[in-house]
Amino acid sequence: MKVKKVLEQLVLLLAFMGLATGMQVARADTLTPITTDSGVYGRNTDFVLAKGDSVPFGTSSYPNIGDVSADGVVNGRITNKTTQFKIMYDGTATTTKGKYGTFYTDVIAMVDGKPKSLATSTPTPWTITNSGQTATPPTTGFIFTNTVATTINVDLSQLGTKIPLPIYIGFSYVAPSSTEWVHYGDMALTAASDAVSKMADVTINKGADLPSASTTITGTGESGTTVTLSGESIPDNKYTTTVDANGNYSISLGAATLKSLGNMSSVKVTESNQFGDAKSATANVSDSLPLTISPATSTVSVTPDEWTDHITGKSSADIADWLAEQAGLTVTKQGDPTALTKTKDGLVFNTSTTADTLSSVMAGGNTSVAINAKDSAGDTSTSDATTNVLRSAGQLQFGTYTSLEFGSKSRPLPIPNQSTLIAPNGSLNTDGSDAGAYSVHISDTRAKGSPWYLAVQATPLTDGSDHTLSLVYADGEGHNQTLDDSLVKIMSGTRSSDDTNVASDWEHSGQQYPGNASDAPAGIYLQAQPNIYAGGGQTANYSGNMTWWLNNTPY
């Protein structure tokens, strides 16, 4: 009977042990060990975060922290999803100079330069004995072991922003009737230096000051990271967004402005990943009004001459100023629709694009130039205007040209007694009226020095009754060539101006050159023969067509 009772007690004891063990295993299944040997996390023995100078505790020994586990762990690291730690330790804390009033296991971070417990509720306090000089951990149900486990609930949703790394696993304690806590860290959960170094630097407003009237904060950072705006009077974690695939971010303040949020002299933007690895940038806030450039996008076609005069070798400010004028950009200040001017408001344009950058654009190509604006009050544009710059190759084409007139009703040509070249006596408008000296204009907006080649072909002049006359081109150097349906090369040249009248020096006053006319100046002439048909004693009218050809390569 006695043996049976002992066995029942043993069975009962084993049952309780199994229950206790099962409870511990069930908890462990939801937590993951934190890696401490990867070079990311390390132990800092006897590291005191802060203590009051008037509290000389003289702690001579601390418990030994063992394994640490947590939820929300990825690749052995805590994340902003972590809500719970389980900390294994053994031993007691002892002091020889002071007394413990309260002592407990803790998770700690330096927030705004001060140590702060991250526990969302006060952890279970330790038992204070030996006249306040010994702190003993609470029992947790483990049997046959001195190891103690404490579970601490935390909120790390602002990890990397409001809660910076490192995070310390350790203890917090205070003397009786004191408010000066001592925070001791035994394990430091730090940032991964290689991950931080690889993160793109975060920027704000291209490094410029932020107008206090700003409603949007823009900048660049590491793609995929979370960026958070903070400042003296900005609510924690209220203004946040994600950096896009191109490395840009935009944080909207909604209907608020930086000024309406408080009289801040600066703001900070922090980029962070899920592990709390972070980088920050700070921007000054100036009491100014943002400028708006309109239109936001535009296109400017630049001729070769304009490129030479306004792009090549010019400063970025000169380039931006000229492009703004060509694009018709206007600038207004927030709350006032009146366009700013250079004279009254000291308006200036600028761009980060240089002449060297634009020189890489080939003729016929294009590039985008971002233009910003600033006035004499120091107010700047919050968004750039984008101008699409087309580098035109220029055009080679005919300008105006007139028809040729040889004789007229009031001054008919006499029949010569020998072969004679007769210069035109002028030109006609399309309505048949006198147009004065005839002309052939070449319009050329290509780069200076670009070559051009001129040729002509002509039909015979006829009177409608199978009687014909011919036109001849004389080059002024003794070479004459009859014009027919084959191309006759007239002249060539290079572009020196936008307009060239190739006939400006040709004869056009009805001059006559008899014989072979090798001395005839340059021009187009009527080839008149003694047997010319003159309409049976009456005046005969002859007409024909000339076709001019213009090319940038030789014929």
Protein backbone atom coordinates (compact mmCIF):
# COMPACT_ATOMS: atom_id res chain seq x y z
CA MET A 1 0.00 0.00 0.00
CA LYS A 2 2.83 2.33 0.85
CA VAL A 3 4.72 1.48 -2.32
CA LYS A 4 1.67 2.12 -4.41
CA LYS A 5 1.20 5.54 -2.87
CA VAL A 6 4.79 6.48 -3.66
CA LEU A 7 4.35 5.34 -7.24
CA GLU A 8 1.19 7.40 -7.58
CA GLN A 9 3.06 10.44 -6.32
CA LEU A 10 5.88 9.73 -8.80
CA VAL A 11 3.45 9.41 -11.66
CA LEU A 12 1.78 12.62 -10.56
CA LEU A 13 5.14 14.37 -10.37
CA LEU A 14 6.09 13.17 -13.86
CA ALA A 15 2.77 14.36 -15.18
CA PHE A 16 3.38 17.82 -13.83
CA MET A 17 6.88 17.76 -15.25
CA GLY A 18 5.50 16.82 -18.65
CA LEU A 19 2.97 19.57 -18.46
CA ALA A 20 5.58 22.12 -17.53
CA THR A 21 7.90 20.87 -20.25
CA GLY A 22 5.09 20.94 -22.79
CA MET A 23 4.33 24.53 -21.93
CA GLN A 24 7.94 25.56 -22.52
CA VAL A 25 8.14 23.69 -25.82
CA ALA A 26 4.91 25.24 -27.03
CA ARG A 27 6.35 28.73 -26.37
CA ALA A 28 9.64 27.88 -28.07
CA ASP A 29 7.83 26.82 -31.23
CA THR A 30 6.69 30.44 -31.84
CA LEU A 31 10.13 32.00 -31.31
CA THR A 32 13.38 31.83 -33.27
CA PRO A 33 16.88 32.05 -31.81
CA ILE A 34 18.74 35.27 -32.53
CA THR A 35 22.12 34.70 -34.20
CA THR A 36 25.00 36.13 -32.15
CA ASP A 37 27.98 34.77 -34.05
CA SER A 38 27.33 36.27 -37.49
CA GLY A 39 29.22 39.49 -36.89
CA VAL A 40 25.94 41.40 -36.78
CA TYR A 41 25.10 40.90 -33.13
CA GLY A 42 27.61 40.80 -30.31
CA ARG A 43 27.88 40.78 -26.52
CA ASN A 44 29.07 43.78 -24.56
CA THR A 45 29.88 42.55 -21.05
CA ASP A 46 29.34 44.98 -18.18
CA PHE A 47 28.09 47.73 -20.48
CA VAL A 48 26.13 50.33 -18.53
CA LEU A 49 23.89 52.48 -20.73
CA ALA A 50 23.22 55.19 -18.16
CA LYS A 51 22.94 55.74 -14.46
CA GLY A 52 22.36 58.60 -12.07
CA ASP A 53 25.55 60.00 -10.61
CA SER A 54 23.97 59.93 -7.14
CA VAL A 55 23.27 56.19 -7.28
CA PRO A 56 26.63 54.42 -6.66
CA PHE A 57 25.27 50.91 -6.81
CA GLY A 58 28.62 49.21 -7.07
CA THR A 59 27.03 46.09 -8.60
CA SER A 60 29.61 43.34 -8.22
CA SER A 61 27.94 40.62 -10.30
CA TYR A 62 25.17 40.25 -12.84
CA PRO A 63 23.27 37.18 -14.03
CA ASN A 64 24.61 35.47 -17.13
CA ILE A 65 22.39 35.89 -20.20
CA GLY A 66 22.23 32.80 -22.37
CA ASP A 67 20.20 32.20 -25.49
CA VAL A 68 17.82 34.87 -26.71
CA SER A 69 14.85 34.10 -28.96
CA ALA A 70 12.22 36.31 -30.53
CA ASP A 71 9.33 36.27 -32.96
CA GLY A 72 9.45 38.07 -36.31
CA VAL A 73 13.06 36.94 -36.83
CA VAL A 74 14.45 36.83 -40.40
CA ASN A 75 17.87 35.33 -41.11
CA GLY A 76 18.70 35.39 -37.40
CA ARG A 77 17.84 39.09 -36.98
CA ILE A 78 14.95 40.82 -35.26
CA THR A 79 12.68 42.95 -37.45
CA ASN A 80 10.04 45.63 -37.09
CA LYS A 81 7.55 42.74 -36.77
CA THR A 82 9.15 41.48 -33.57
CA THR A 83 6.76 41.71 -30.59
CA GLN A 84 8.27 39.28 -28.07
CA PHE A 85 11.64 38.22 -26.65
CA LYS A 86 12.46 35.16 -24.54
CA ILE A 87 15.68 35.65 -22.58
CA MET A 88 17.51 32.78 -20.89
CA TYR A 89 19.80 33.54 -17.96
CA ASP A 90 21.06 32.18 -14.64
CA GLY A 91 22.53 33.64 -11.48
CA THR A 92 21.73 36.64 -9.31
CA ALA A 93 22.65 40.32 -9.17
CA THR A 94 24.52 41.62 -6.13
CA THR A 95 25.62 45.05 -4.98
CA THR A 96 27.99 46.03 -2.20
CA LYS A 97 27.42 49.78 -1.99
CA GLY A 98 23.75 50.39 -2.60
CA LYS A 99 20.36 48.76 -2.42
CA TYR A 100 18.03 47.50 -5.11
CA GLY A 101 14.51 48.79 -4.99
CA THR A 102 13.31 47.22 -8.26
CA PHE A 103 15.21 44.91 -10.62
CA TYR A 104 14.02 43.13 -13.78
CA THR A 105 15.13 41.74 -17.14
CA ASP A 106 14.73 44.33 -19.89
CA VAL A 107 15.06 45.22 -23.59
CA ILE A 108 16.52 48.70 -23.96
CA ALA A 109 17.33 51.27 -26.68
CA MET A 110 18.70 54.79 -26.74
CA VAL A 111 15.76 56.93 -27.86
CA ASP A 112 16.36 60.64 -28.38
CA GLY A 113 19.69 60.24 -26.61
CA LYS A 114 18.22 58.63 -23.49
CA PRO A 115 17.92 54.95 -22.48
CA LYS A 116 14.39 53.65 -22.73
CA SER A 117 12.80 50.30 -21.96
CA LEU A 118 11.03 48.87 -25.00
CA ALA A 119 8.78 46.61 -22.93
CA THR A 120 5.09 47.33 -23.52
CA SER A 121 4.35 46.23 -19.96
CA THR A 122 6.52 46.09 -16.85
CA PRO A 123 8.41 42.76 -16.79
CA THR A 124 8.10 40.51 -13.76
CA PRO A 125 10.24 42.03 -10.99
CA TRP A 126 12.95 40.04 -9.28
CA THR A 127 12.93 39.20 -5.57
CA ILE A 128 15.04 41.60 -3.52
CA THR A 129 16.78 39.98 -0.51
CA ASN A 130 19.84 40.34 1.68
CA SER A 131 18.84 43.82 2.84
CA GLY A 132 18.35 45.00 -0.72
CA GLN A 133 21.77 43.88 -1.95
CA THR A 134 20.68 40.75 -3.87
CA ALA A 135 18.18 40.44 -6.74
CA THR A 136 16.95 36.91 -7.46
CA PRO A 137 15.01 36.07 -10.62
CA PRO A 138 11.43 34.82 -10.30
CA THR A 139 10.86 31.11 -10.70
CA THR A 140 9.26 30.10 -14.00
CA GLY A 141 8.42 26.44 -13.59
CA PHE A 142 11.71 24.96 -14.80
CA ILE A 143 12.72 21.98 -12.71
CA PHE A 144 16.17 20.59 -12.03
CA THR A 145 17.94 23.58 -13.56
CA ASN A 146 19.19 26.99 -12.47
CA THR A 147 18.38 28.49 -15.90
CA VAL A 148 15.56 31.03 -15.87
CA ALA A 149 13.55 32.28 -18.87
CA THR A 150 11.78 35.63 -19.02
CA THR A 151 9.37 36.62 -21.80
CA ILE A 152 9.14 40.34 -22.59
CA ASN A 153 6.57 41.88 -24.94
CA VAL A 154 7.85 44.79 -27.06
CA ASP A 155 6.77 47.15 -29.85
CA LEU A 156 9.45 47.46 -32.55
CA SER A 157 7.18 48.84 -35.28
CA GLN A 158 9.35 51.98 -35.42
CA LEU A 159 12.63 50.06 -35.54
CA GLY A 160 15.23 52.05 -37.46
CA THR A 161 13.29 55.32 -37.16
CA LYS A 162 12.10 56.27 -33.68
CA ILE A 163 13.85 53.20 -32.24
CA PRO A 164 17.46 53.16 -33.48
CA LEU A 165 19.85 50.26 -33.32
CA PRO A 166 21.55 48.96 -31.28
CA ILE A 167 19.01 47.32 -28.99
CA TYR A 168 20.36 45.98 -25.72
CA ILE A 169 19.30 42.82 -23.87
CA GLY A 170 20.02 43.24 -20.17
CA PHE A 171 18.57 44.53 -16.92
CA SER A 172 17.08 47.70 -15.48
CA TYR A 173 17.14 48.56 -11.79
CA VAL A 174 16.59 51.45 -9.42
CA ALA A 175 17.28 52.20 -5.77
CA PRO A 176 14.43 52.45 -3.24
CA SER A 177 12.59 55.80 -3.41
CA SER A 178 14.66 56.84 -6.48
CA THR A 179 13.74 57.67 -10.05
CA GLU A 180 17.26 57.35 -11.44
CA TRP A 181 17.31 54.04 -13.25
CA VAL A 182 20.40 52.11 -14.26
CA HIS A 183 20.18 50.18 -17.53
CA TYR A 184 22.70 47.43 -18.07
CA GLY A 185 23.22 45.74 -21.44
CA ASP A 186 24.79 42.31 -21.82
CA MET A 187 23.95 41.72 -25.51
CA ALA A 188 23.88 44.41 -28.22
CA LEU A 189 21.72 43.85 -31.31
CA THR A 190 23.41 46.19 -33.78
CA ALA A 191 23.01 47.29 -37.38
CA ALA A 192 24.67 45.30 -40.16
CA SER A 193 27.52 47.58 -41.23
CA ASP A 194 27.77 46.01 -44.70
CA ALA A 195 24.04 46.44 -45.28
CA VAL A 196 24.16 50.08 -44.19
CA SER A 197 27.19 50.86 -46.36
CA LYS A 198 25.44 49.43 -49.41
CA MET A 199 22.31 51.52 -48.87
CA ALA A 200 22.01 54.57 -51.11
CA ASP A 201 22.30 57.83 -49.22
CA VAL A 202 18.99 59.48 -48.46
CA THR A 203 18.56 63.04 -49.76
CA ILE A 204 15.98 65.77 -49.20
CA ASN A 205 14.94 68.36 -51.79
CA LYS A 206 18.22 67.92 -53.71
CA GLY A 207 20.13 69.19 -50.70
CA ALA A 208 18.36 72.56 -50.66
CA ASP A 209 16.40 74.11 -47.79
CA LEU A 210 12.73 73.25 -47.50
CA PRO A 211 10.22 76.10 -47.69
CA SER A 212 8.07 76.24 -44.57
CA ALA A 213 5.03 76.25 -46.88
CA SER A 214 5.97 72.83 -48.30
CA THR A 215 3.16 70.28 -48.41
CA THR A 216 5.28 67.55 -49.99
CA ILE A 217 8.78 66.37 -49.14
CA THR A 218 10.69 64.73 -51.99
CA GLY A 219 14.10 63.15 -52.33
CA THR A 220 16.00 59.97 -53.12
CA GLY A 221 16.99 56.86 -51.19
CA GLU A 222 17.48 53.12 -51.32
CA SER A 223 14.77 51.45 -53.38
CA GLY A 224 12.32 49.46 -51.26
CA THR A 225 13.24 51.03 -47.92
CA THR A 226 10.78 52.90 -45.74
CA VAL A 227 11.37 56.64 -45.38
CA THR A 228 9.97 58.49 -42.40
CA LEU A 229 9.77 62.23 -41.77
CA SER A 230 10.56 63.41 -38.27
CA GLY A 231 10.99 66.74 -36.54
CA GLU A 232 10.51 68.59 -33.31
CA SER A 233 6.74 68.90 -33.70
CA ILE A 234 6.03 66.11 -36.20
CA PRO A 235 4.05 63.16 -34.79
CA ASP A 236 6.05 59.93 -34.66
CA ASN A 237 5.76 57.71 -37.73
CA LYS A 238 2.85 59.73 -39.17
CA TYR A 239 4.47 60.75 -42.43
CA THR A 240 6.08 57.77 -44.11
CA THR A 241 6.29 56.14 -47.53
CA THR A 242 8.34 53.64 -49.53
CA VAL A 243 11.18 54.55 -51.90
CA ASP A 244 10.14 53.52 -55.43
CA ALA A 245 12.03 51.35 -57.91
CA ASN A 246 13.80 54.41 -59.35
CA GLY A 247 15.11 55.48 -55.95
CA ASN A 248 12.68 58.39 -55.49
CA TYR A 249 10.22 59.14 -52.72
CA SER A 250 7.50 61.68 -52.05
CA ILE A 251 6.02 62.21 -48.59
CA SER A 252 2.71 64.06 -48.63
CA LEU A 253 1.70 66.18 -45.64
CA GLY A 254 -1.87 66.26 -46.87
CA ALA A 255 -3.50 69.59 -46.11
CA ALA A 256 -0.72 70.49 -43.66
CA THR A 257 2.47 72.46 -44.29
CA LEU A 258 5.75 72.30 -42.43
CA LYS A 259 4.87 75.65 -40.91
CA SER A 260 1.43 74.53 -39.74
CA LEU A 261 3.01 71.50 -38.07
CA GLY A 262 5.16 73.77 -35.89
CA ASN A 263 7.90 76.35 -35.99
CA MET A 264 10.70 73.91 -36.89
CA SER A 265 14.15 74.94 -37.98
CA SER A 266 14.91 71.54 -39.54
CA VAL A 267 13.44 68.14 -40.34
CA LYS A 268 14.95 64.70 -40.74
CA VAL A 269 14.16 61.91 -43.18
CA THR A 270 15.27 58.41 -42.22
CA GLU A 271 15.36 55.44 -44.56
CA SER A 272 15.27 52.01 -42.92
CA ASN A 273 14.76 48.37 -43.78
CA GLN A 274 12.88 45.76 -41.77
CA PHE A 275 15.99 45.01 -39.66
CA GLY A 276 16.43 48.61 -38.51
CA ASP A 277 19.49 49.31 -40.67
CA ALA A 278 19.11 53.01 -41.37
CA LYS A 279 20.51 56.20 -42.85
CA SER A 280 19.28 59.74 -42.30
CA ALA A 281 19.49 63.19 -43.82
CA THR A 282 18.56 66.58 -42.39
CA ALA A 283 17.24 69.66 -44.19
CA ASN A 284 16.82 73.18 -42.90
CA VAL A 285 13.34 74.69 -43.02
CA SER A 286 13.23 78.27 -44.28
CA ASP A 287 10.31 80.63 -43.87
CA SER A 288 9.62 80.99 -47.58
CA LEU A 289 6.96 80.36 -50.22
CA PRO A 290 7.41 77.76 -52.96
CA LEU A 291 7.57 78.80 -56.61
CA THR A 292 5.70 77.01 -59.39
CA ILE A 293 7.01 76.83 -62.97
CA SER A 294 4.56 76.54 -65.86
CA PRO A 295 4.30 74.67 -68.09
CA ALA A 296 5.72 71.65 -66.25
CA THR A 297 6.84 70.13 -69.55
CA SER A 298 7.78 71.79 -72.84
CA THR A 299 9.78 71.24 -76.02
CA VAL A 300 12.39 73.54 -77.56
CA SER A 301 13.92 72.91 -81.00
CA VAL A 302 17.41 74.41 -81.21
CA THR A 303 18.96 75.25 -84.58
CA PRO A 304 22.71 74.85 -85.14
CA ASP A 305 23.26 78.63 -84.89
CA GLU A 306 21.25 78.79 -81.66
CA TRP A 307 23.19 75.83 -80.30
CA THR A 308 26.45 77.66 -80.96
CA ASP A 309 25.20 80.97 -79.56
CA HIS A 310 23.30 79.73 -76.49
CA ILE A 311 24.50 76.23 -75.56
CA THR A 312 28.14 75.61 -76.48
CA GLY A 313 30.48 76.87 -73.79
CA LYS A 314 27.71 78.52 -71.79
CA SER A 315 27.11 78.19 -68.04
CA SER A 316 24.24 76.09 -66.74
CA ALA A 317 22.49 79.26 -65.58
CA ASP A 318 22.79 80.86 -69.05
CA ILE A 319 21.50 77.70 -70.70
CA ALA A 320 18.54 77.46 -68.32
CA ASP A 321 17.70 81.14 -68.77
CA TRP A 322 17.68 80.90 -72.57
CA LEU A 323 15.70 77.63 -72.63
CA ALA A 324 13.16 79.11 -70.20
CA GLU A 325 12.68 82.06 -72.56
CA GLN A 326 12.30 79.82 -75.61
CA ALA A 327 9.86 77.52 -73.80
CA GLY A 328 7.85 80.47 -72.50
CA LEU A 329 8.20 79.38 -68.87
CA THR A 330 6.41 81.50 -66.28
CA VAL A 331 6.96 81.40 -62.52
CA THR A 332 4.42 82.22 -59.80
CA LYS A 333 4.61 82.23 -56.02
CA GLN A 334 2.22 80.28 -53.84
CA GLY A 335 -0.93 82.30 -53.22
CA ASP A 336 -0.22 84.86 -55.96
CA PRO A 337 -0.99 84.28 -59.67
CA THR A 338 1.22 87.20 -60.80
CA ALA A 339 4.17 86.01 -62.90
CA LEU A 340 7.57 86.84 -61.44
CA THR A 341 10.08 88.83 -63.53
CA LYS A 342 13.84 89.18 -63.62
CA THR A 343 13.74 92.95 -63.08
CA LYS A 344 11.19 93.20 -60.29
CA ASP A 345 11.64 89.89 -58.48
CA GLY A 346 15.21 88.93 -59.31
CA LEU A 347 13.98 85.75 -60.98
CA VAL A 348 16.74 83.42 -62.13
CA PHE A 349 16.64 79.98 -63.72
CA ASN A 350 19.18 77.23 -63.35
CA THR A 351 19.78 73.58 -64.18
CA SER A 352 22.16 70.83 -63.19
CA THR A 353 22.67 70.03 -66.89
CA THR A 354 25.95 71.37 -68.26
CA ALA A 355 27.07 72.38 -71.74
CA ASP A 356 29.40 69.36 -71.74
CA THR A 357 26.46 67.06 -71.06
CA LEU A 358 24.42 68.61 -73.88
CA SER A 359 27.37 68.39 -76.29
CA SER A 360 26.89 64.62 -76.35
CA VAL A 361 23.49 65.07 -78.01
CA MET A 362 23.91 64.41 -81.73
CA ALA A 363 22.19 66.51 -84.39
CA GLY A 364 18.64 65.23 -84.71
CA GLY A 365 18.69 63.88 -81.15
CA ASN A 366 17.04 65.13 -77.99
CA THR A 367 17.45 65.19 -74.22
CA SER A 368 15.52 66.37 -71.18
CA VAL A 369 16.69 69.33 -69.13
CA ALA A 370 15.28 69.95 -65.64
CA ILE A 371 14.97 73.68 -64.91
CA ASN A 372 14.48 75.22 -61.48
CA ALA A 373 13.78 78.80 -60.43
CA LYS A 374 14.67 81.13 -57.55
CA ASP A 375 13.84 84.72 -56.72
CA SER A 376 15.62 87.45 -54.77
CA ALA A 377 13.67 86.54 -51.61
CA GLY A 378 15.31 83.14 -51.63
CA ASP A 379 12.11 81.32 -52.56
CA THR A 380 12.69 78.35 -54.85
CA SER A 381 10.66 76.05 -57.04
CA THR A 382 9.64 72.85 -55.31
CA SER A 383 9.42 70.95 -58.60
CA ASP A 384 11.54 71.30 -61.72
CA ALA A 385 10.11 72.07 -65.13
CA THR A 386 11.21 69.52 -67.72
CA THR A 387 12.16 70.88 -71.14
CA ASN A 388 12.70 68.44 -73.99
CA VAL A 389 15.57 69.91 -76.01
CA LEU A 390 15.69 68.90 -79.66
CA ARG A 391 19.04 69.49 -81.33
CA SER A 392 17.91 70.30 -84.86
CA ALA A 393 20.21 69.45 -87.74
CA GLY A 394 18.77 72.46 -89.57
CA GLN A 395 17.17 72.54 -93.05
CA LEU A 396 18.46 73.13 -96.54
CA GLN A 397 15.68 74.26 -98.88
CA PHE A 398 14.70 76.81 -101.48
CA GLY A 399 13.48 80.17 -100.30
CA THR A 400 11.75 82.51 -102.74
CA TYR A 401 12.56 82.55 -106.45
CA THR A 402 11.11 84.29 -109.46
CA SER A 403 10.57 83.57 -113.13
CA LEU A 404 12.72 85.03 -115.93
CA GLU A 405 11.48 87.59 -118.47
CA PHE A 406 13.26 88.19 -121.78
CA GLY A 407 11.74 91.28 -123.41
CA SER A 408 8.18 92.38 -122.87
CA LYS A 409 5.14 93.62 -124.78
CA SER A 410 6.38 97.15 -124.43
CA ARG A 411 9.96 96.21 -125.23
CA PRO A 412 10.05 93.19 -127.57
CA LEU A 413 13.40 91.59 -128.39
CA PRO A 414 14.75 92.37 -131.89
CA ILE A 415 15.92 89.52 -134.12
CA PRO A 416 19.74 89.49 -133.96
CA ASN A 417 21.93 89.25 -137.08
CA GLN A 418 24.15 86.65 -135.41
CA SER A 419 24.02 84.17 -132.59
CA THR A 420 23.57 86.19 -129.40
CA LEU A 421 23.14 85.55 -125.69
CA ILE A 422 20.48 87.84 -124.25
CA ALA A 423 20.19 88.38 -120.51
CA PRO A 424 16.75 88.61 -118.93
CA ASN A 425 15.48 92.10 -118.39
CA GLY A 426 13.88 91.17 -115.06
CA SER A 427 11.38 88.77 -113.58
CA LEU A 428 7.67 88.34 -113.28
CA ASN A 429 5.41 87.78 -110.30
CA THR A 430 2.97 84.90 -110.45
CA ASP A 431 0.29 87.28 -111.72
CA GLY A 432 2.56 88.37 -114.59
CA SER A 433 3.48 91.75 -113.15
CA ASP A 434 7.03 93.04 -113.13
CA ALA A 435 9.03 91.76 -110.11
CA GLY A 436 12.30 93.54 -110.84
CA ALA A 437 15.58 91.62 -110.71
CA TYR A 438 15.07 87.88 -110.73
CA SER A 439 16.32 85.84 -107.78
CA VAL A 440 16.91 82.29 -106.56
CA HIS A 441 17.14 82.14 -102.77
CA ILE A 442 18.56 79.23 -100.73
CA SER A 443 17.33 78.99 -97.16
CA ASP A 444 19.87 77.17 -94.97
CA THR A 445 19.68 76.77 -91.17
CA ARG A 446 22.25 74.00 -90.91
CA ALA A 447 25.60 74.38 -89.20
CA LYS A 448 27.87 76.99 -90.71
CA GLY A 449 30.19 75.53 -93.33
CA SER A 450 27.71 72.85 -94.41
CA PRO A 451 27.96 72.33 -98.20
CA TRP A 452 25.19 72.79 -100.78
CA TYR A 453 25.00 72.04 -104.51
CA LEU A 454 22.70 73.71 -107.06
CA ALA A 455 21.63 72.34 -110.46
CA VAL A 456 18.96 73.14 -112.99
CA GLN A 457 17.20 71.59 -115.96
CA ALA A 458 14.90 73.28 -118.46
CA THR A 459 12.47 72.61 -121.25
CA PRO A 460 12.88 74.43 -124.60
CA LEU A 461 10.97 77.70 -124.93
CA THR A 462 8.16 77.31 -127.45
CA ASP A 463 5.59 79.56 -129.10
CA GLY A 464 3.00 76.78 -129.22
CA SER A 465 3.68 76.12 -132.92
CA ASP A 466 6.73 73.90 -132.74
CA HIS A 467 9.09 76.86 -132.86
CA THR A 468 11.68 76.64 -130.06
CA LEU A 469 14.39 78.64 -128.36
CA SER A 470 17.02 77.49 -125.87
CA LEU A 471 18.36 78.75 -122.54
CA VAL A 472 22.06 78.77 -121.77
CA TYR A 473 23.90 78.94 -118.44
CA ALA A 474 27.20 80.88 -118.48
CA ASP A 475 29.49 80.37 -115.49
CA GLY A 476 31.31 83.67 -116.08
CA GLU A 477 34.57 81.88 -116.78
CA GLY A 478 34.04 81.25 -120.49
CA HIS A 479 32.02 78.05 -120.13
CA ASN A 480 28.50 78.04 -121.52
CA GLN A 481 26.09 75.12 -121.41
CA THR A 482 22.70 74.72 -123.03
CA LEU A 483 19.94 73.88 -120.53
CA ASP A 484 17.81 70.85 -121.37
CA ASP A 485 16.23 67.91 -119.54
CA SER A 486 19.58 66.81 -118.11
CA LEU A 487 20.87 68.28 -114.86
CA VAL A 488 23.33 71.09 -115.32
CA LYS A 489 25.52 71.91 -112.32
CA ILE A 490 25.16 75.60 -111.61
CA MET A 491 27.27 76.21 -108.55
CA SER A 492 28.13 74.98 -105.04
CA GLY A 493 28.90 76.69 -101.78
CA THR A 494 28.85 76.41 -98.01
CA ARG A 495 26.39 77.79 -95.53
CA SER A 496 27.41 81.18 -94.14
CA SER A 497 24.00 82.68 -93.41
CA ASP A 498 20.34 81.72 -93.30
CA ASP A 499 19.64 83.10 -96.78
CA THR A 500 21.71 83.15 -99.99
CA ASN A 501 20.54 84.63 -103.32
CA VAL A 502 22.61 82.72 -105.87
CA ALA A 503 21.38 85.03 -108.68
CA SER A 504 22.35 88.26 -106.94
CA ASP A 505 25.38 88.82 -109.23
CA TRP A 506 23.83 87.45 -112.44
CA GLU A 507 23.03 89.64 -115.42
CA HIS A 508 19.37 90.68 -115.51
CA SER A 509 19.18 93.96 -117.40
CA GLY A 510 18.73 92.68 -120.96
CA GLN A 511 22.45 92.81 -121.87
CA GLN A 512 23.43 91.10 -125.16
CA TYR A 513 26.62 89.18 -125.90
CA PRO A 514 27.07 88.29 -129.61
CA GLY A 515 29.15 85.48 -131.06
CA ASN A 516 30.28 82.62 -128.87
CA ALA A 517 29.77 84.95 -125.88
CA SER A 518 32.69 83.46 -123.94
CA ASP A 519 32.98 86.79 -122.17
CA ALA A 520 29.40 86.70 -120.83
CA PRO A 521 29.18 87.18 -117.08
CA ALA A 522 27.57 84.47 -114.96
CA GLY A 523 23.85 84.02 -115.46
CA ILE A 524 21.11 82.39 -117.48
CA TYR A 525 20.63 83.69 -121.02
CA LEU A 526 18.33 83.25 -123.98
CA GLN A 527 20.20 81.79 -126.99
CA ALA A 528 18.85 83.86 -129.95
CA GLN A 529 19.67 82.97 -133.58
CA PRO A 530 19.27 85.11 -136.77
CA ASN A 531 16.59 82.69 -138.01
CA ILE A 532 14.44 83.09 -134.88
CA TYR A 533 10.75 82.83 -135.73
CA ALA A 534 9.05 86.07 -134.86
CA GLY A 535 5.46 85.19 -135.71
CA GLY A 536 5.33 86.15 -139.38
CA GLY A 537 6.14 89.76 -138.76
CA GLN A 538 4.10 89.85 -135.60
CA THR A 539 5.39 89.58 -132.03
CA ALA A 540 5.84 85.95 -130.94
CA ASN A 541 5.58 84.84 -127.31
CA TYR A 542 7.80 81.99 -126.12
CA SER A 543 7.64 80.27 -122.73
CA GLY A 544 9.13 77.28 -120.98
CA ASN A 545 9.92 75.82 -117.56
CA MET A 546 13.06 75.57 -115.43
CA THR A 547 13.41 73.10 -112.56
CA TRP A 548 15.89 73.93 -109.81
CA TRP A 549 17.59 71.22 -107.78
CA LEU A 550 19.25 71.67 -104.40
CA ASN A 551 21.19 69.02 -102.50
CA ASN A 552 23.71 68.66 -99.66
CA THR A 553 25.84 66.22 -101.67
CA PRO A 554 27.36 66.63 -105.15
CA TYR A 555 25.30 65.75 -108.21
